[in-house]
Amino acid sequence: MGTLAGFDAGTYTCSVQPDGALTTFLRGVPVSKQLAPSLLPNGARVSLLLFDENNPVDAMVVGVSTSNLRMPSCRVYRNAVQSIPNSAQTALSFTTVRHDTMGGISPMWSLADPTHVIVRTPGVYVATACVEFDANAAGQRVVGLYDTLSNQFIGVEECNAVNGDTTDVTCSSGPFYVPAASSFLVLAYQNSGGALNVNAVAAYSPELAVAMIA
């Protein structure tokens, strides 16, 4: 089984991302001509008959289990500190993708646009962000999830700064319907009286995860 991308009706070939391979695509895979082009949009779930895993031409797409798009899911993080000015909402800029199920078709995130995770498929999504602010006991810390299509926050979490330690904030949107192409970003705010770093911590700060659930 795998996920189809880039069907070419002229050559009746496509690319296939095998299940379990987040970044690997087999290119130029023949498609059975018993399958109508209407069944073969990007993201269709297909059955793949593979004779030689090192030679995609020696294979064939022989069935379509569903023409529905693969569920988009993406998680990104930043591998260095980011300074957040005092009393100013600041978009977090990410540096690396942990996973992107649409990476071989239409990536949800790229370095060319490091603050946004792109949502192209209408549906219900959940977004979650985790941010660690450097130690400073003054003021408040706020993390917000922002949807650019509706121009509104879809999740906000705020708290007073922790005395004597870093302040960690996790924010979730809950299920949120996106009717058309949009993007999500994370805005951080602090009013400690001066610039304050968002720390880079392995596996949880700063991170943004976006996943389609329905």
C-alpha atoms as a PDB file:
ATOM      1  CA  MET A   1       0.000   0.000   0.000  1.00  0.00           C
ATOM      2  CA  GLY A   2       1.052   3.590  -0.524  1.00  0.00           C
ATOM      3  CA  THR A   3       0.033   7.155  -1.359  1.00  0.00           C
ATOM      4  CA  LEU A   4      -0.098   8.363  -4.957  1.00  0.00           C
ATOM      5  CA  ALA A   5       1.285  11.648  -6.279  1.00  0.00           C
ATOM      6  CA  GLY A   6       1.767  13.212  -9.695  1.00  0.00           C
ATOM      7  CA  PHE A   7      -0.285  10.914 -11.919  1.00  0.00           C
ATOM      8  CA  ASP A   8       0.577  11.540 -15.595  1.00  0.00           C
ATOM      9  CA  ALA A   9      -2.313  10.584 -17.895  1.00  0.00           C
ATOM     10  CA  GLY A  10      -0.025  10.772 -20.937  1.00  0.00           C
ATOM     11  CA  THR A  11       2.421   8.114 -19.757  1.00  0.00           C
ATOM     12  CA  TYR A  12       0.056   6.474 -17.250  1.00  0.00           C
ATOM     13  CA  THR A  13       2.708   6.643 -14.555  1.00  0.00           C
ATOM     14  CA  CYS A  14       2.871   8.217 -11.113  1.00  0.00           C
ATOM     15  CA  SER A  15       4.933   8.508  -7.961  1.00  0.00           C
ATOM     16  CA  VAL A  16       4.082   6.415  -4.904  1.00  0.00           C
ATOM     17  CA  GLN A  17       5.056   6.981  -1.289  1.00  0.00           C
ATOM     18  CA  PRO A  18       5.122   3.516   0.338  1.00  0.00           C
ATOM     19  CA  ASP A  19       3.488   3.196   3.739  1.00  0.00           C
ATOM     20  CA  GLY A  20       5.967   3.916   6.507  1.00  0.00           C
ATOM     21  CA  ALA A  21       8.261   6.015   4.293  1.00  0.00           C
ATOM     22  CA  LEU A  22       7.795   9.663   5.232  1.00  0.00           C
ATOM     23  CA  THR A  23      10.331  11.042   2.743  1.00  0.00           C
ATOM     24  CA  THR A  24      10.795   8.306   0.097  1.00  0.00           C
ATOM     25  CA  PHE A  25       8.865   8.272  -3.191  1.00  0.00           C
ATOM     26  CA  LEU A  26       9.065   5.720  -6.007  1.00  0.00           C
ATOM     27  CA  ARG A  27       9.048   7.675  -9.275  1.00  0.00           C
ATOM     28  CA  GLY A  28       7.766   6.636 -12.691  1.00  0.00           C
ATOM     29  CA  VAL A  29       5.625   3.754 -11.451  1.00  0.00           C
ATOM     30  CA  PRO A  30       3.288   2.363 -14.153  1.00  0.00           C
ATOM     31  CA  VAL A  31      -0.443   2.492 -13.409  1.00  0.00           C
ATOM     32  CA  SER A  32      -2.897  -0.127 -14.576  1.00  0.00           C
ATOM     33  CA  LYS A  33      -4.982   1.306 -17.415  1.00  0.00           C
ATOM     34  CA  GLN A  34      -8.018  -0.328 -15.820  1.00  0.00           C
ATOM     35  CA  LEU A  35      -7.913   2.559 -13.312  1.00  0.00           C
ATOM     36  CA  ALA A  36      -9.634   5.745 -14.482  1.00  0.00           C
ATOM     37  CA  PRO A  37      -7.734   9.032 -14.056  1.00  0.00           C
ATOM     38  CA  SER A  38     -10.596  10.353 -11.916  1.00  0.00           C
ATOM     39  CA  LEU A  39      -9.608   7.797  -9.259  1.00  0.00           C
ATOM     40  CA  LEU A  40      -6.002   8.987  -9.126  1.00  0.00           C
ATOM     41  CA  PRO A  41      -5.749  12.427  -7.482  1.00  0.00           C
ATOM     42  CA  ASN A  42      -2.727  13.369  -5.408  1.00  0.00           C
ATOM     43  CA  GLY A  43      -3.023  11.594  -2.069  1.00  0.00           C
ATOM     44  CA  ALA A  44      -5.089   8.630  -3.278  1.00  0.00           C
ATOM     45  CA  ARG A  45      -4.423   5.429  -1.329  1.00  0.00           C
ATOM     46  CA  VAL A  46      -3.304   2.768  -3.778  1.00  0.00           C
ATOM     47  CA  SER A  47      -2.297  -0.887  -3.925  1.00  0.00           C
ATOM     48  CA  LEU A  48       1.199  -1.361  -5.304  1.00  0.00           C
ATOM     49  CA  LEU A  49       2.504  -4.572  -6.866  1.00  0.00           C
ATOM     50  CA  LEU A  50       6.283  -4.360  -6.420  1.00  0.00           C
ATOM     51  CA  PHE A  51       8.599  -6.909  -8.021  1.00  0.00           C
ATOM     52  CA  ASP A  52      11.943  -5.153  -7.402  1.00  0.00           C
ATOM     53  CA  GLU A  53      12.095  -2.470  -4.698  1.00  0.00           C
ATOM     54  CA  ASN A  54      15.150  -0.950  -6.410  1.00  0.00           C
ATOM     55  CA  ASN A  55      13.415  -0.583  -9.779  1.00  0.00           C
ATOM     56  CA  PRO A  56      10.091   1.311  -9.661  1.00  0.00           C
ATOM     57  CA  VAL A  57       9.461   0.643 -13.360  1.00  0.00           C
ATOM     58  CA  ASP A  58       9.280  -3.031 -12.442  1.00  0.00           C
ATOM     59  CA  ALA A  59       6.122  -2.389 -10.421  1.00  0.00           C
ATOM     60  CA  MET A  60       2.523  -1.366 -10.994  1.00  0.00           C
ATOM     61  CA  VAL A  61      -0.316   0.420  -9.246  1.00  0.00           C
ATOM     62  CA  VAL A  62      -3.079  -2.154  -9.486  1.00  0.00           C
ATOM     63  CA  GLY A  63      -5.844  -0.784  -7.265  1.00  0.00           C
ATOM     64  CA  VAL A  64      -7.248   2.217  -5.426  1.00  0.00           C
ATOM     65  CA  SER A  65      -8.463   1.657  -1.875  1.00  0.00           C
ATOM     66  CA  THR A  66      -9.697   5.240  -1.537  1.00  0.00           C
ATOM     67  CA  SER A  67      -9.371   8.350  -3.661  1.00  0.00           C
ATOM     68  CA  ASN A  68      -9.578  10.520  -0.551  1.00  0.00           C
ATOM     69  CA  LEU A  69      -6.515  12.599   0.193  1.00  0.00           C
ATOM     70  CA  ARG A  70      -4.026  11.366   2.736  1.00  0.00           C
ATOM     71  CA  MET A  71      -4.587  13.121   6.051  1.00  0.00           C
ATOM     72  CA  PRO A  72      -2.204  16.101   6.148  1.00  0.00           C
ATOM     73  CA  SER A  73      -0.003  16.218   9.247  1.00  0.00           C
ATOM     74  CA  CYS A  74       3.107  18.256   9.992  1.00  0.00           C
ATOM     75  CA  ARG A  75       5.304  19.000  13.007  1.00  0.00           C
ATOM     76  CA  VAL A  76       8.057  21.627  13.003  1.00  0.00           C
ATOM     77  CA  TYR A  77      10.524  22.957  15.552  1.00  0.00           C
ATOM     78  CA  ARG A  78      13.219  25.581  16.031  1.00  0.00           C
ATOM     79  CA  ASN A  79      16.761  24.472  16.873  1.00  0.00           C
ATOM     80  CA  ALA A  80      18.001  27.799  18.278  1.00  0.00           C
ATOM     81  CA  VAL A  81      16.765  30.446  20.709  1.00  0.00           C
ATOM     82  CA  GLN A  82      14.553  33.255  19.416  1.00  0.00           C
ATOM     83  CA  SER A  83      14.449  36.610  21.129  1.00  0.00           C
ATOM     84  CA  ILE A  84      10.959  37.936  21.883  1.00  0.00           C
ATOM     85  CA  PRO A  85      10.762  41.740  22.342  1.00  0.00           C
ATOM     86  CA  ASN A  86       9.021  43.158  25.393  1.00  0.00           C
ATOM     87  CA  SER A  87       5.259  43.708  24.982  1.00  0.00           C
ATOM     88  CA  ALA A  88       5.143  42.756  21.287  1.00  0.00           C
ATOM     89  CA  GLN A  89       3.395  39.774  19.670  1.00  0.00           C
ATOM     90  CA  THR A  90       6.074  37.921  17.722  1.00  0.00           C
ATOM     91  CA  ALA A  91       5.662  35.086  15.221  1.00  0.00           C
ATOM     92  CA  LEU A  92       7.898  32.133  15.974  1.00  0.00           C
ATOM     93  CA  SER A  93      10.180  31.163  13.103  1.00  0.00           C
ATOM     94  CA  PHE A  94      10.866  27.440  12.756  1.00  0.00           C
ATOM     95  CA  THR A  95      13.963  25.828  11.265  1.00  0.00           C
ATOM     96  CA  THR A  96      13.287  22.116  10.807  1.00  0.00           C
ATOM     97  CA  VAL A  97      10.441  19.728  10.036  1.00  0.00           C
ATOM     98  CA  ARG A  98      10.000  16.581  12.137  1.00  0.00           C
ATOM     99  CA  HIS A  99       7.468  15.066   9.761  1.00  0.00           C
ATOM    100  CA  ASP A 100       5.329  16.269   6.874  1.00  0.00           C
ATOM    101  CA  THR A 101       3.006  13.675   5.355  1.00  0.00           C
ATOM    102  CA  MET A 102       2.518  15.923   2.324  1.00  0.00           C
ATOM    103  CA  GLY A 103       6.233  16.565   1.910  1.00  0.00           C
ATOM    104  CA  GLY A 104       6.533  14.680  -1.380  1.00  0.00           C
ATOM    105  CA  ILE A 105       3.389  16.255  -2.848  1.00  0.00           C
ATOM    106  CA  SER A 106       2.814  19.789  -1.533  1.00  0.00           C
ATOM    107  CA  PRO A 107       4.867  20.415   1.625  1.00  0.00           C
ATOM    108  CA  MET A 108       3.008  22.010   4.508  1.00  0.00           C
ATOM    109  CA  TRP A 109       6.159  23.801   5.703  1.00  0.00           C
ATOM    110  CA  SER A 110       9.360  25.090   4.106  1.00  0.00           C
ATOM    111  CA  LEU A 111      12.355  27.233   5.031  1.00  0.00           C
ATOM    112  CA  ALA A 112      11.167  29.776   2.470  1.00  0.00           C
ATOM    113  CA  ASP A 113       8.207  30.535   4.770  1.00  0.00           C
ATOM    114  CA  PRO A 114       9.443  29.481   8.222  1.00  0.00           C
ATOM    115  CA  THR A 115       6.644  30.953  10.358  1.00  0.00           C
ATOM    116  CA  HIS A 116       3.680  29.234   8.666  1.00  0.00           C
ATOM    117  CA  VAL A 117       2.356  25.689   8.373  1.00  0.00           C
ATOM    118  CA  ILE A 118       0.205  25.626   5.237  1.00  0.00           C
ATOM    119  CA  VAL A 119      -3.206  23.933   5.199  1.00  0.00           C
ATOM    120  CA  ARG A 120      -4.430  23.306   1.644  1.00  0.00           C
ATOM    121  CA  THR A 121      -7.160  20.704   2.165  1.00  0.00           C
ATOM    122  CA  PRO A 122     -10.481  21.740   3.738  1.00  0.00           C
ATOM    123  CA  GLY A 123     -11.314  19.796   6.865  1.00  0.00           C
ATOM    124  CA  VAL A 124     -11.164  19.682  10.646  1.00  0.00           C
ATOM    125  CA  TYR A 125      -7.699  20.269  12.123  1.00  0.00           C
ATOM    126  CA  VAL A 126      -6.008  20.334  15.503  1.00  0.00           C
ATOM    127  CA  ALA A 127      -2.971  22.548  16.094  1.00  0.00           C
ATOM    128  CA  THR A 128      -0.750  22.395  19.178  1.00  0.00           C
ATOM    129  CA  ALA A 129       2.247  24.503  20.175  1.00  0.00           C
ATOM    130  CA  CYS A 130       4.715  24.231  23.039  1.00  0.00           C
ATOM    131  CA  VAL A 131       7.025  27.092  24.018  1.00  0.00           C
ATOM    132  CA  GLU A 132       9.587  27.491  26.797  1.00  0.00           C
ATOM    133  CA  PHE A 133      10.425  31.048  27.847  1.00  0.00           C
ATOM    134  CA  ASP A 134      13.762  31.730  29.531  1.00  0.00           C
ATOM    135  CA  ALA A 135      13.812  32.205  33.299  1.00  0.00           C
ATOM    136  CA  ASN A 136      12.514  35.611  34.405  1.00  0.00           C
ATOM    137  CA  ALA A 137       9.969  36.139  37.176  1.00  0.00           C
ATOM    138  CA  ALA A 138       8.406  39.354  35.856  1.00  0.00           C
ATOM    139  CA  GLY A 139       5.195  39.694  33.867  1.00  0.00           C
ATOM    140  CA  GLN A 140       3.099  37.283  31.840  1.00  0.00           C
ATOM    141  CA  ARG A 141       3.749  34.759  29.093  1.00  0.00           C
ATOM    142  CA  VAL A 142       1.266  34.190  26.258  1.00  0.00           C
ATOM    143  CA  VAL A 143       1.225  31.748  23.347  1.00  0.00           C
ATOM    144  CA  GLY A 144      -1.416  31.965  20.630  1.00  0.00           C
ATOM    145  CA  LEU A 145      -2.311  29.874  17.571  1.00  0.00           C
ATOM    146  CA  TYR A 146      -3.415  32.042  14.652  1.00  0.00           C
ATOM    147  CA  ASP A 147      -5.391  31.065  11.540  1.00  0.00           C
ATOM    148  CA  THR A 148      -4.665  33.344   8.576  1.00  0.00           C
ATOM    149  CA  LEU A 149      -7.847  32.502   6.638  1.00  0.00           C
ATOM    150  CA  SER A 150     -10.210  33.662   9.369  1.00  0.00           C
ATOM    151  CA  ASN A 151      -7.707  36.227  10.712  1.00  0.00           C
ATOM    152  CA  GLN A 152      -8.320  35.115  14.262  1.00  0.00           C
ATOM    153  CA  PHE A 153      -6.730  33.271  17.141  1.00  0.00           C
ATOM    154  CA  ILE A 154      -7.920  29.672  17.377  1.00  0.00           C
ATOM    155  CA  GLY A 155      -6.191  28.967  20.681  1.00  0.00           C
ATOM    156  CA  VAL A 156      -4.572  31.114  23.389  1.00  0.00           C
ATOM    157  CA  GLU A 157      -2.803  30.138  26.612  1.00  0.00           C
ATOM    158  CA  GLU A 158      -1.437  32.654  29.102  1.00  0.00           C
ATOM    159  CA  CYS A 159       0.113  32.462  32.545  1.00  0.00           C
ATOM    160  CA  ASN A 160       2.201  34.413  35.002  1.00  0.00           C
ATOM    161  CA  ALA A 161       5.952  33.918  34.800  1.00  0.00           C
ATOM    162  CA  VAL A 162       7.395  31.165  36.995  1.00  0.00           C
ATOM    163  CA  ASN A 163       9.622  32.467  39.778  1.00  0.00           C
ATOM    164  CA  GLY A 164      13.085  30.945  39.663  1.00  0.00           C
ATOM    165  CA  ASP A 165      12.644  28.731  36.604  1.00  0.00           C
ATOM    166  CA  THR A 166      11.686  28.752  32.948  1.00  0.00           C
ATOM    167  CA  THR A 167       8.029  29.195  32.006  1.00  0.00           C
ATOM    168  CA  ASP A 168       6.587  26.496  29.740  1.00  0.00           C
ATOM    169  CA  VAL A 169       3.360  27.101  27.848  1.00  0.00           C
ATOM    170  CA  THR A 170       1.380  24.547  25.810  1.00  0.00           C
ATOM    171  CA  CYS A 171      -1.486  25.762  23.629  1.00  0.00           C
ATOM    172  CA  SER A 172      -4.014  23.724  21.639  1.00  0.00           C
ATOM    173  CA  SER A 173      -6.742  24.799  19.234  1.00  0.00           C
ATOM    174  CA  GLY A 174      -9.036  21.832  19.766  1.00  0.00           C
ATOM    175  CA  PRO A 175     -10.898  20.690  16.610  1.00  0.00           C
ATOM    176  CA  PHE A 176     -11.138  23.633  14.193  1.00  0.00           C
ATOM    177  CA  TYR A 177     -12.836  23.612  10.781  1.00  0.00           C
ATOM    178  CA  VAL A 178     -10.831  25.091   7.904  1.00  0.00           C
ATOM    179  CA  PRO A 179     -13.112  25.639   4.852  1.00  0.00           C
ATOM    180  CA  ALA A 180     -10.380  26.600   2.355  1.00  0.00           C
ATOM    181  CA  ALA A 181      -6.616  26.967   2.013  1.00  0.00           C
ATOM    182  CA  SER A 182      -5.077  28.666   5.054  1.00  0.00           C
ATOM    183  CA  SER A 183      -2.030  28.634   7.289  1.00  0.00           C
ATOM    184  CA  PHE A 184      -1.332  28.474  11.010  1.00  0.00           C
ATOM    185  CA  LEU A 185       1.358  30.282  12.962  1.00  0.00           C
ATOM    186  CA  VAL A 186       2.419  30.664  16.585  1.00  0.00           C
ATOM    187  CA  LEU A 187       2.559  34.095  18.212  1.00  0.00           C
ATOM    188  CA  ALA A 188       4.500  34.567  21.443  1.00  0.00           C
ATOM    189  CA  TYR A 189       4.162  37.472  23.859  1.00  0.00           C
ATOM    190  CA  GLN A 190       5.910  38.451  27.082  1.00  0.00           C
ATOM    191  CA  ASN A 191       6.073  41.612  29.178  1.00  0.00           C
ATOM    192  CA  SER A 192       9.054  40.992  31.450  1.00  0.00           C
ATOM    193  CA  GLY A 193      10.363  44.508  30.883  1.00  0.00           C
ATOM    194  CA  GLY A 194      12.997  43.553  28.292  1.00  0.00           C
ATOM    195  CA  ALA A 195      13.710  41.111  25.496  1.00  0.00           C
ATOM    196  CA  LEU A 196      13.381  37.466  26.548  1.00  0.00           C
ATOM    197  CA  ASN A 197      14.437  34.295  24.753  1.00  0.00           C
ATOM    198  CA  VAL A 198      12.251  31.402  23.724  1.00  0.00           C
ATOM    199  CA  ASN A 199      14.518  28.444  24.418  1.00  0.00           C
ATOM    200  CA  ALA A 200      15.318  25.606  22.037  1.00  0.00           C
ATOM    201  CA  VAL A 201      14.740  22.366  23.960  1.00  0.00           C
ATOM    202  CA  ALA A 202      14.879  18.933  22.334  1.00  0.00           C
ATOM    203  CA  ALA A 203      11.449  17.484  21.471  1.00  0.00           C
ATOM    204  CA  TYR A 204       9.231  20.214  22.908  1.00  0.00           C
ATOM    205  CA  SER A 205      10.288  23.858  22.485  1.00  0.00           C
ATOM    206  CA  PRO A 206       9.444  25.624  20.375  1.00  0.00           C
ATOM    207  CA  GLU A 207       7.255  23.214  18.441  1.00  0.00           C
ATOM    208  CA  LEU A 208       4.132  23.464  16.265  1.00  0.00           C
ATOM    209  CA  ALA A 209       2.112  20.418  15.213  1.00  0.00           C
ATOM    210  CA  VAL A 210      -0.851  20.563  12.808  1.00  0.00           C
ATOM    211  CA  ALA A 211      -2.946  17.540  11.852  1.00  0.00           C
ATOM    212  CA  MET A 212      -6.161  16.987   9.928  1.00  0.00           C
ATOM    213  CA  ILE A 213      -8.530  14.766  11.924  1.00  0.00           C
ATOM    214  CA  ALA A 214     -11.674  14.728   9.744  1.00  0.00           C
END
